């Protein structure tokens, strides 16, 4: 789970600081490719879908300003659920 949180925090930082660009997409793709656990693979798929959506909204040389508050909220909920799951087991 620590690996997943680290990757998500890194991608949030990229999007918040740089916005979404082709270069940011490449960086994030490298990050999410490190998620190999079953849970990590689910997260990787969700993020890949999100990146595809962002890609469809921008031209290759454009920067899409990203508000990460919604993303952070989503992953905050994920973290809470993960922690609750760990306490149950």
Protein backbone atom coordinates (compact mmCIF):
# COMPACT_ATOMS: atom_id res chain seq x y z
CA UNK A 1 0.00 0.00 0.00
CA UNK A 2 2.90 2.38 0.73
CA UNK A 3 4.06 1.95 -2.88
CA UNK A 4 0.62 2.95 -4.17
CA UNK A 5 0.41 6.02 -1.96
CA UNK A 6 3.89 7.11 -3.03
CA UNK A 7 3.02 6.77 -6.71
CA UNK A 8 -0.27 8.64 -6.31
CA UNK A 9 1.40 11.44 -4.37
CA UNK A 10 4.06 11.74 -7.06
CA UNK A 11 1.53 11.94 -9.88
CA UNK A 12 -0.50 14.53 -7.97
CA UNK A 13 2.61 16.65 -7.60
CA UNK A 14 3.38 16.38 -11.33
CA UNK A 15 -0.14 17.44 -12.30
CA UNK A 16 -0.33 20.24 -9.74
CA UNK A 17 3.06 21.73 -10.62
CA UNK A 18 3.30 21.09 -14.37
CA UNK A 19 -0.29 20.55 -15.44
CA UNK A 20 -1.08 17.85 -17.96
CA UNK A 21 1.26 17.69 -20.95
CA UNK A 22 2.57 14.92 -23.16
CA UNK A 23 5.74 14.94 -21.02
CA UNK A 24 3.73 14.73 -17.79
CA UNK A 25 1.76 11.80 -19.24
CA UNK A 26 5.02 9.98 -19.98
CA UNK A 27 6.30 10.61 -16.44
CA UNK A 28 3.07 9.41 -14.89
CA UNK A 29 2.98 6.33 -17.13
CA UNK A 30 6.45 5.38 -15.91
CA UNK A 31 5.28 5.86 -12.31
CA UNK A 32 2.12 3.80 -12.63
CA UNK A 33 3.94 0.99 -14.43
CA UNK A 34 5.63 0.29 -11.09
CA UNK A 35 2.28 -0.70 -9.55
CA UNK A 36 2.34 -4.49 -9.79
CA UNK A 37 0.16 -5.76 -6.97
CA UNK A 38 -3.48 -6.62 -7.72
CA UNK A 39 -4.64 -3.44 -5.99
CA UNK A 40 -1.90 -1.48 -7.73
CA UNK A 41 -3.01 -2.82 -11.09
CA UNK A 42 -6.56 -1.60 -10.45
CA UNK A 43 -5.24 1.83 -9.54
CA UNK A 44 -2.98 1.80 -12.59
CA UNK A 45 -5.95 1.06 -14.84
CA UNK A 46 -8.01 3.88 -13.32
CA UNK A 47 -5.16 6.34 -13.75
CA UNK A 48 -4.52 5.16 -17.33
CA UNK A 49 -8.19 5.78 -18.12
CA UNK A 50 -7.93 9.24 -16.58
CA UNK A 51 -4.80 10.00 -18.62
CA UNK A 52 -6.56 8.88 -21.80
CA UNK A 53 -9.42 11.26 -21.00
CA UNK A 54 -7.02 14.14 -20.44
CA UNK A 55 -5.20 13.27 -23.67
CA UNK A 56 -8.43 13.49 -25.61
CA UNK A 57 -8.96 17.02 -24.27
CA UNK A 58 -5.57 18.43 -25.28
CA UNK A 59 -3.46 18.79 -28.37
CA UNK A 60 0.03 17.30 -28.27
CA UNK A 61 1.74 20.63 -27.56
CA UNK A 62 -0.82 22.03 -25.09
CA UNK A 63 -0.77 22.20 -21.33
CA UNK A 64 -3.97 21.44 -19.47
CA UNK A 65 -4.08 23.12 -16.08
CA UNK A 66 -5.19 20.52 -13.57
CA UNK A 67 -6.96 21.21 -10.33
CA UNK A 68 -5.86 18.32 -8.20
CA UNK A 69 -8.33 18.97 -5.39
CA UNK A 70 -10.84 16.53 -6.88
CA UNK A 71 -8.13 13.96 -7.54
CA UNK A 72 -6.74 14.37 -4.03
CA UNK A 73 -10.21 13.89 -2.58
CA UNK A 74 -10.69 10.69 -4.57
CA UNK A 75 -7.36 9.25 -3.49
CA UNK A 76 -7.91 10.45 0.07
CA UNK A 77 -11.04 8.32 0.11
CA UNK A 78 -9.01 5.43 -1.34
CA UNK A 79 -6.41 5.80 1.42
CA UNK A 80 -9.11 5.84 4.11
CA UNK A 81 -10.73 2.71 2.72
CA UNK A 82 -7.36 0.99 2.48
CA UNK A 83 -6.56 1.82 6.08
CA UNK A 84 -9.97 0.61 7.22
CA UNK A 85 -9.46 -2.62 5.27
CA UNK A 86 -6.09 -3.16 6.99
CA UNK A 87 -7.67 -2.69 10.41
CA UNK A 88 -10.44 -5.17 9.65
CA UNK A 89 -8.04 -7.93 8.63
